[in-house]
Amino acid sequence: MRWWRVALMTLVAIALVAIGFLHSAPKPAPTPVKAPLRMDRITLEKTPCFGPCYVYTVTVERDGRATFRATRPLWDGGQRTWRSSIQWHAQVPEASMRALVAAVESPEYAQLRPDYSVMVTDNPSTILTVEGGGVERVTRVYVVPCRKDMPAFADDDLMRDVEPVPDIFCSVRELVDVASCARYWAHYQRGSFGGASPNPHPPPPRCKPIP
């Protein structure tokens, strides 16, 4: 019977060691919550693609001053083309500015990752850069849709396993694009090349280009 007692005591000892290990094993660290940003300025950048894409940057300061920068093709009616720089200015309405600052300084925006992209080529990127309090935060989105737009990609195999971009990114992008007049001014990039086409976004009076 002695061997039976020894075996039992050995099993009990092993069980106690295992329980102690489980209690002492380090638990996975929770994902750190990033502190909200301060927005002194924000820059929206649209990058080139293989094809006709609007390419521009627009910077909005905290006081509402907006600066739009782009180039547009010029055409002399023959074979010669060249590019002319555009730099226009606007003042963002106070209500739009309050909404923009609130969105950028929200906890939701602070949790955005630096990059949301998929492995395809020849598409434009949208980049938002927030500066404030000595900190710069860059978020780049390439092809990946925001969560609210995912139903439109239900049959797209490329997006099946892709984590969507949080909607706060699209909200901020839209606020910057419209409030700064960039949404309307981007059209001028093509207007002088081979004849103007109708602007799909007729600009409001406040968006008259100001050099």
C-alpha atoms as a PDB file:
ATOM      1  CA  MET A   1       0.000   0.000   0.000  1.00  0.00           C
ATOM      2  CA  ARG A   2       3.000   2.243   0.512  1.00  0.00           C
ATOM      3  CA  TRP A   3       3.538   2.623  -3.223  1.00  0.00           C
ATOM      4  CA  TRP A   4      -0.103   3.676  -3.618  1.00  0.00           C
ATOM      5  CA  ARG A   5       0.297   6.434  -1.015  1.00  0.00           C
ATOM      6  CA  VAL A   6       3.493   7.631  -2.656  1.00  0.00           C
ATOM      7  CA  ALA A   7       1.807   7.775  -6.065  1.00  0.00           C
ATOM      8  CA  LEU A   8      -1.180   9.651  -4.632  1.00  0.00           C
ATOM      9  CA  MET A   9       1.019  12.186  -2.870  1.00  0.00           C
ATOM     10  CA  THR A  10       2.999  12.668  -6.078  1.00  0.00           C
ATOM     11  CA  LEU A  11      -0.179  13.346  -8.061  1.00  0.00           C
ATOM     12  CA  VAL A  12      -1.384  15.815  -5.420  1.00  0.00           C
ATOM     13  CA  ALA A  13       1.955  17.615  -5.505  1.00  0.00           C
ATOM     14  CA  ILE A  14       1.860  17.846  -9.303  1.00  0.00           C
ATOM     15  CA  ALA A  15      -1.696  19.203  -9.177  1.00  0.00           C
ATOM     16  CA  LEU A  16      -0.740  21.845  -6.606  1.00  0.00           C
ATOM     17  CA  VAL A  17       2.238  22.935  -8.696  1.00  0.00           C
ATOM     18  CA  ALA A  18       0.035  23.184 -11.802  1.00  0.00           C
ATOM     19  CA  ILE A  19      -2.572  25.254  -9.956  1.00  0.00           C
ATOM     20  CA  GLY A  20       0.115  27.554  -8.621  1.00  0.00           C
ATOM     21  CA  PHE A  21       1.541  27.996 -12.114  1.00  0.00           C
ATOM     22  CA  LEU A  22      -1.851  28.892 -13.544  1.00  0.00           C
ATOM     23  CA  HIS A  23      -2.394  31.527 -10.874  1.00  0.00           C
ATOM     24  CA  SER A  24       1.090  32.968 -11.209  1.00  0.00           C
ATOM     25  CA  ALA A  25       1.326  32.944 -15.031  1.00  0.00           C
ATOM     26  CA  PRO A  26       1.260  36.476 -16.435  1.00  0.00           C
ATOM     27  CA  LYS A  27      -1.985  37.466 -18.102  1.00  0.00           C
ATOM     28  CA  PRO A  28      -1.947  39.042 -21.574  1.00  0.00           C
ATOM     29  CA  ALA A  29      -1.578  42.784 -21.286  1.00  0.00           C
ATOM     30  CA  PRO A  30      -4.700  44.687 -22.373  1.00  0.00           C
ATOM     31  CA  THR A  31      -4.448  46.849 -25.458  1.00  0.00           C
ATOM     32  CA  PRO A  32      -3.329  50.272 -24.235  1.00  0.00           C
ATOM     33  CA  VAL A  33      -5.853  53.055 -24.655  1.00  0.00           C
ATOM     34  CA  LYS A  34      -4.286  56.041 -26.358  1.00  0.00           C
ATOM     35  CA  ALA A  35      -4.920  59.468 -24.922  1.00  0.00           C
ATOM     36  CA  PRO A  36      -7.004  61.869 -27.042  1.00  0.00           C
ATOM     37  CA  LEU A  37      -5.049  64.159 -29.335  1.00  0.00           C
ATOM     38  CA  ARG A  38      -4.872  67.918 -29.378  1.00  0.00           C
ATOM     39  CA  MET A  39      -5.478  69.414 -32.809  1.00  0.00           C
ATOM     40  CA  ASP A  40      -3.492  72.522 -33.680  1.00  0.00           C
ATOM     41  CA  ARG A  41      -3.713  71.660 -37.370  1.00  0.00           C
ATOM     42  CA  ILE A  42      -4.817  68.822 -39.583  1.00  0.00           C
ATOM     43  CA  THR A  43      -3.730  67.977 -43.124  1.00  0.00           C
ATOM     44  CA  LEU A  44      -5.678  65.878 -45.602  1.00  0.00           C
ATOM     45  CA  GLU A  45      -3.650  64.453 -48.482  1.00  0.00           C
ATOM     46  CA  LYS A  46      -4.934  62.652 -51.577  1.00  0.00           C
ATOM     47  CA  THR A  47      -2.182  60.770 -53.427  1.00  0.00           C
ATOM     48  CA  PRO A  48      -1.824  59.896 -57.144  1.00  0.00           C
ATOM     49  CA  CYS A  49      -3.192  56.759 -58.760  1.00  0.00           C
ATOM     50  CA  PHE A  50      -2.852  55.046 -62.134  1.00  0.00           C
ATOM     51  CA  GLY A  51      -5.538  57.046 -63.882  1.00  0.00           C
ATOM     52  CA  PRO A  52      -7.514  60.255 -63.325  1.00  0.00           C
ATOM     53  CA  CYS A  53      -7.411  61.022 -59.607  1.00  0.00           C
ATOM     54  CA  TYR A  54      -7.612  64.299 -57.733  1.00  0.00           C
ATOM     55  CA  VAL A  55      -4.226  64.874 -56.085  1.00  0.00           C
ATOM     56  CA  TYR A  56      -3.996  67.594 -53.454  1.00  0.00           C
ATOM     57  CA  THR A  57      -3.295  68.518 -49.846  1.00  0.00           C
ATOM     58  CA  VAL A  58      -5.331  70.812 -47.643  1.00  0.00           C
ATOM     59  CA  THR A  59      -4.269  72.025 -44.215  1.00  0.00           C
ATOM     60  CA  VAL A  60      -6.698  73.426 -41.656  1.00  0.00           C
ATOM     61  CA  GLU A  61      -5.382  75.410 -38.687  1.00  0.00           C
ATOM     62  CA  ARG A  62      -7.197  75.471 -35.360  1.00  0.00           C
ATOM     63  CA  ASP A  63      -8.265  79.073 -35.989  1.00  0.00           C
ATOM     64  CA  GLY A  64     -10.087  77.951 -39.161  1.00  0.00           C
ATOM     65  CA  ARG A  65      -7.588  79.050 -41.805  1.00  0.00           C
ATOM     66  CA  ALA A  66      -7.434  76.518 -44.632  1.00  0.00           C
ATOM     67  CA  THR A  67      -4.802  76.252 -47.369  1.00  0.00           C
ATOM     68  CA  PHE A  68      -5.383  74.115 -50.465  1.00  0.00           C
ATOM     69  CA  ARG A  69      -2.387  73.057 -52.561  1.00  0.00           C
ATOM     70  CA  ALA A  70      -2.436  71.190 -55.855  1.00  0.00           C
ATOM     71  CA  THR A  71      -1.253  71.304 -59.443  1.00  0.00           C
ATOM     72  CA  ARG A  72      -3.398  71.343 -62.545  1.00  0.00           C
ATOM     73  CA  PRO A  73      -2.603  70.601 -66.182  1.00  0.00           C
ATOM     74  CA  LEU A  74      -2.698  73.489 -68.664  1.00  0.00           C
ATOM     75  CA  TRP A  75      -3.250  72.965 -72.373  1.00  0.00           C
ATOM     76  CA  ASP A  76      -2.333  75.308 -75.227  1.00  0.00           C
ATOM     77  CA  GLY A  77      -4.797  73.769 -77.696  1.00  0.00           C
ATOM     78  CA  GLY A  78      -2.046  71.806 -79.426  1.00  0.00           C
ATOM     79  CA  GLN A  79       0.276  69.118 -78.144  1.00  0.00           C
ATOM     80  CA  ARG A  80       1.935  70.979 -75.304  1.00  0.00           C
ATOM     81  CA  THR A  81       0.869  70.529 -71.699  1.00  0.00           C
ATOM     82  CA  TRP A  82       2.421  71.611 -68.433  1.00  0.00           C
ATOM     83  CA  ARG A  83       1.422  71.914 -64.813  1.00  0.00           C
ATOM     84  CA  SER A  84       0.566  75.016 -62.861  1.00  0.00           C
ATOM     85  CA  SER A  85       0.625  75.196 -59.066  1.00  0.00           C
ATOM     86  CA  ILE A  86      -2.526  76.068 -57.151  1.00  0.00           C
ATOM     87  CA  GLN A  87      -2.528  77.522 -53.653  1.00  0.00           C
ATOM     88  CA  TRP A  88      -5.842  78.870 -52.453  1.00  0.00           C
ATOM     89  CA  HIS A  89      -7.123  79.887 -49.041  1.00  0.00           C
ATOM     90  CA  ALA A  90     -10.444  79.682 -47.235  1.00  0.00           C
ATOM     91  CA  GLN A  91     -11.893  80.289 -43.789  1.00  0.00           C
ATOM     92  CA  VAL A  92     -13.702  77.322 -42.255  1.00  0.00           C
ATOM     93  CA  PRO A  93     -17.069  78.296 -40.696  1.00  0.00           C
ATOM     94  CA  GLU A  94     -17.050  78.339 -36.876  1.00  0.00           C
ATOM     95  CA  ALA A  95     -19.661  75.588 -36.562  1.00  0.00           C
ATOM     96  CA  SER A  96     -17.714  73.308 -38.900  1.00  0.00           C
ATOM     97  CA  MET A  97     -14.507  74.071 -37.024  1.00  0.00           C
ATOM     98  CA  ARG A  98     -16.054  73.147 -33.689  1.00  0.00           C
ATOM     99  CA  ALA A  99     -17.301  69.868 -35.144  1.00  0.00           C
ATOM    100  CA  LEU A 100     -13.881  69.107 -36.644  1.00  0.00           C
ATOM    101  CA  VAL A 101     -11.955  69.784 -33.434  1.00  0.00           C
ATOM    102  CA  ALA A 102     -14.425  67.715 -31.406  1.00  0.00           C
ATOM    103  CA  ALA A 103     -14.094  64.773 -33.805  1.00  0.00           C
ATOM    104  CA  VAL A 104     -10.287  64.853 -33.978  1.00  0.00           C
ATOM    105  CA  GLU A 105      -9.916  65.221 -30.201  1.00  0.00           C
ATOM    106  CA  SER A 106     -12.387  62.408 -29.491  1.00  0.00           C
ATOM    107  CA  PRO A 107     -11.311  59.107 -27.868  1.00  0.00           C
ATOM    108  CA  GLU A 108     -12.430  57.288 -31.028  1.00  0.00           C
ATOM    109  CA  TYR A 109     -10.009  59.165 -33.277  1.00  0.00           C
ATOM    110  CA  ALA A 110      -7.117  58.566 -30.872  1.00  0.00           C
ATOM    111  CA  GLN A 111      -7.480  54.797 -31.316  1.00  0.00           C
ATOM    112  CA  LEU A 112      -6.947  54.834 -35.098  1.00  0.00           C
ATOM    113  CA  ARG A 113      -4.073  52.702 -36.350  1.00  0.00           C
ATOM    114  CA  PRO A 114      -1.302  54.245 -38.491  1.00  0.00           C
ATOM    115  CA  ASP A 115      -2.252  52.211 -41.561  1.00  0.00           C
ATOM    116  CA  TYR A 116      -5.280  50.496 -43.108  1.00  0.00           C
ATOM    117  CA  SER A 117      -4.402  48.948 -46.454  1.00  0.00           C
ATOM    118  CA  VAL A 118      -4.726  45.890 -48.675  1.00  0.00           C
ATOM    119  CA  MET A 119      -2.262  44.436 -51.167  1.00  0.00           C
ATOM    120  CA  VAL A 120      -3.456  45.904 -54.448  1.00  0.00           C
ATOM    121  CA  THR A 121      -1.838  48.499 -56.702  1.00  0.00           C
ATOM    122  CA  ASP A 122      -2.596  51.686 -58.645  1.00  0.00           C
ATOM    123  CA  ASN A 123      -5.136  53.161 -56.213  1.00  0.00           C
ATOM    124  CA  PRO A 124      -4.968  56.493 -54.368  1.00  0.00           C
ATOM    125  CA  SER A 125      -4.352  56.810 -50.635  1.00  0.00           C
ATOM    126  CA  THR A 126      -6.048  59.170 -48.215  1.00  0.00           C
ATOM    127  CA  ILE A 127      -3.776  60.416 -45.430  1.00  0.00           C
ATOM    128  CA  LEU A 128      -4.764  62.437 -42.373  1.00  0.00           C
ATOM    129  CA  THR A 129      -2.011  64.066 -40.304  1.00  0.00           C
ATOM    130  CA  VAL A 130      -2.876  65.668 -36.966  1.00  0.00           C
ATOM    131  CA  GLU A 131      -0.392  67.967 -35.234  1.00  0.00           C
ATOM    132  CA  GLY A 132      -0.751  69.381 -31.755  1.00  0.00           C
ATOM    133  CA  GLY A 133       1.007  69.616 -28.417  1.00  0.00           C
ATOM    134  CA  GLY A 134       4.284  68.512 -29.950  1.00  0.00           C
ATOM    135  CA  VAL A 135       2.736  65.282 -31.253  1.00  0.00           C
ATOM    136  CA  GLU A 136       2.156  64.239 -34.870  1.00  0.00           C
ATOM    137  CA  ARG A 137      -0.241  61.393 -35.665  1.00  0.00           C
ATOM    138  CA  VAL A 138      -0.515  60.040 -39.233  1.00  0.00           C
ATOM    139  CA  THR A 139      -3.236  57.671 -40.457  1.00  0.00           C
ATOM    140  CA  ARG A 140      -3.095  56.290 -43.999  1.00  0.00           C
ATOM    141  CA  VAL A 141      -6.016  54.525 -45.664  1.00  0.00           C
ATOM    142  CA  TYR A 142      -5.525  52.627 -48.910  1.00  0.00           C
ATOM    143  CA  VAL A 143      -8.566  50.965 -50.526  1.00  0.00           C
ATOM    144  CA  VAL A 144     -10.031  49.722 -47.207  1.00  0.00           C
ATOM    145  CA  PRO A 145     -13.558  51.136 -46.684  1.00  0.00           C
ATOM    146  CA  CYS A 146     -14.976  52.557 -43.482  1.00  0.00           C
ATOM    147  CA  ARG A 147     -17.255  50.326 -41.434  1.00  0.00           C
ATOM    148  CA  LYS A 148     -20.437  52.097 -42.558  1.00  0.00           C
ATOM    149  CA  ASP A 149     -19.538  51.364 -46.194  1.00  0.00           C
ATOM    150  CA  MET A 150     -18.695  47.669 -45.758  1.00  0.00           C
ATOM    151  CA  PRO A 151     -22.149  46.366 -46.842  1.00  0.00           C
ATOM    152  CA  ALA A 152     -21.399  47.640 -50.351  1.00  0.00           C
ATOM    153  CA  PHE A 153     -18.398  45.256 -50.438  1.00  0.00           C
ATOM    154  CA  ALA A 154     -20.256  42.161 -49.238  1.00  0.00           C
ATOM    155  CA  ASP A 155     -19.464  40.278 -52.473  1.00  0.00           C
ATOM    156  CA  ASP A 156     -15.869  41.494 -52.743  1.00  0.00           C
ATOM    157  CA  ASP A 157     -13.483  38.634 -51.901  1.00  0.00           C
ATOM    158  CA  LEU A 158     -10.673  41.120 -51.321  1.00  0.00           C
ATOM    159  CA  MET A 159     -12.572  42.694 -48.408  1.00  0.00           C
ATOM    160  CA  ARG A 160     -13.908  39.504 -46.870  1.00  0.00           C
ATOM    161  CA  ASP A 161     -11.293  39.272 -44.113  1.00  0.00           C
ATOM    162  CA  VAL A 162     -10.316  42.933 -43.959  1.00  0.00           C
ATOM    163  CA  GLU A 163     -10.914  44.916 -40.792  1.00  0.00           C
ATOM    164  CA  PRO A 164     -12.786  48.082 -41.836  1.00  0.00           C
ATOM    165  CA  VAL A 165     -11.602  51.559 -41.008  1.00  0.00           C
ATOM    166  CA  PRO A 166     -13.441  53.058 -38.014  1.00  0.00           C
ATOM    167  CA  ASP A 167     -16.110  55.507 -39.150  1.00  0.00           C
ATOM    168  CA  ILE A 168     -14.474  58.379 -37.273  1.00  0.00           C
ATOM    169  CA  PHE A 169     -11.810  58.514 -40.010  1.00  0.00           C
ATOM    170  CA  CYS A 170     -14.398  59.032 -42.747  1.00  0.00           C
ATOM    171  CA  SER A 171     -16.239  61.607 -40.633  1.00  0.00           C
ATOM    172  CA  VAL A 172     -13.082  63.673 -40.147  1.00  0.00           C
ATOM    173  CA  ARG A 173     -12.064  63.297 -43.792  1.00  0.00           C
ATOM    174  CA  GLU A 174     -15.475  64.546 -44.900  1.00  0.00           C
ATOM    175  CA  LEU A 175     -15.403  67.484 -42.478  1.00  0.00           C
ATOM    176  CA  VAL A 176     -11.980  68.601 -43.696  1.00  0.00           C
ATOM    177  CA  ASP A 177     -12.800  68.085 -47.372  1.00  0.00           C
ATOM    178  CA  VAL A 178     -16.054  70.045 -47.341  1.00  0.00           C
ATOM    179  CA  ALA A 179     -15.378  72.726 -44.721  1.00  0.00           C
ATOM    180  CA  SER A 180     -12.014  73.670 -46.264  1.00  0.00           C
ATOM    181  CA  CYS A 181     -13.500  73.919 -49.800  1.00  0.00           C
ATOM    182  CA  ALA A 182     -11.112  71.205 -51.050  1.00  0.00           C
ATOM    183  CA  ARG A 183     -14.062  69.093 -52.197  1.00  0.00           C
ATOM    184  CA  TYR A 184     -15.009  71.846 -54.645  1.00  0.00           C
ATOM    185  CA  TRP A 185     -11.566  73.143 -55.585  1.00  0.00           C
ATOM    186  CA  ALA A 186     -10.198  69.737 -56.572  1.00  0.00           C
ATOM    187  CA  HIS A 187     -12.287  70.002 -59.734  1.00  0.00           C
ATOM    188  CA  TYR A 188     -10.064  72.825 -61.012  1.00  0.00           C
ATOM    189  CA  GLN A 189      -7.236  70.330 -61.486  1.00  0.00           C
ATOM    190  CA  ARG A 190      -8.920  69.084 -64.650  1.00  0.00           C
ATOM    191  CA  GLY A 191     -10.873  72.091 -65.773  1.00  0.00           C
ATOM    192  CA  SER A 192      -8.127  73.524 -67.999  1.00  0.00           C
ATOM    193  CA  PHE A 193      -7.108  70.289 -69.682  1.00  0.00           C
ATOM    194  CA  GLY A 194      -8.944  69.574 -72.898  1.00  0.00           C
ATOM    195  CA  GLY A 195     -11.936  71.662 -71.873  1.00  0.00           C
ATOM    196  CA  ALA A 196     -13.800  71.940 -68.593  1.00  0.00           C
ATOM    197  CA  SER A 197     -16.265  69.328 -67.435  1.00  0.00           C
ATOM    198  CA  PRO A 198     -19.238  70.083 -65.174  1.00  0.00           C
ATOM    199  CA  ASN A 199     -18.277  70.278 -61.510  1.00  0.00           C
ATOM    200  CA  PRO A 200     -20.138  67.465 -59.678  1.00  0.00           C
ATOM    201  CA  HIS A 201     -19.908  69.552 -56.493  1.00  0.00           C
ATOM    202  CA  PRO A 202     -21.021  73.145 -57.235  1.00  0.00           C
ATOM    203  CA  PRO A 203     -19.150  75.325 -54.721  1.00  0.00           C
ATOM    204  CA  PRO A 204     -20.992  77.532 -52.220  1.00  0.00           C
ATOM    205  CA  PRO A 205     -20.264  81.286 -52.353  1.00  0.00           C
ATOM    206  CA  ARG A 206     -17.733  81.070 -49.516  1.00  0.00           C
ATOM    207  CA  CYS A 207     -15.582  78.730 -51.629  1.00  0.00           C
ATOM    208  CA  LYS A 208     -14.686  81.245 -54.301  1.00  0.00           C
ATOM    209  CA  PRO A 209     -10.931  80.629 -54.841  1.00  0.00           C
ATOM    210  CA  ILE A 210      -8.781  83.158 -52.977  1.00  0.00           C
ATOM    211  CA  PRO A 211      -5.071  83.145 -53.994  1.00  0.00           C
END
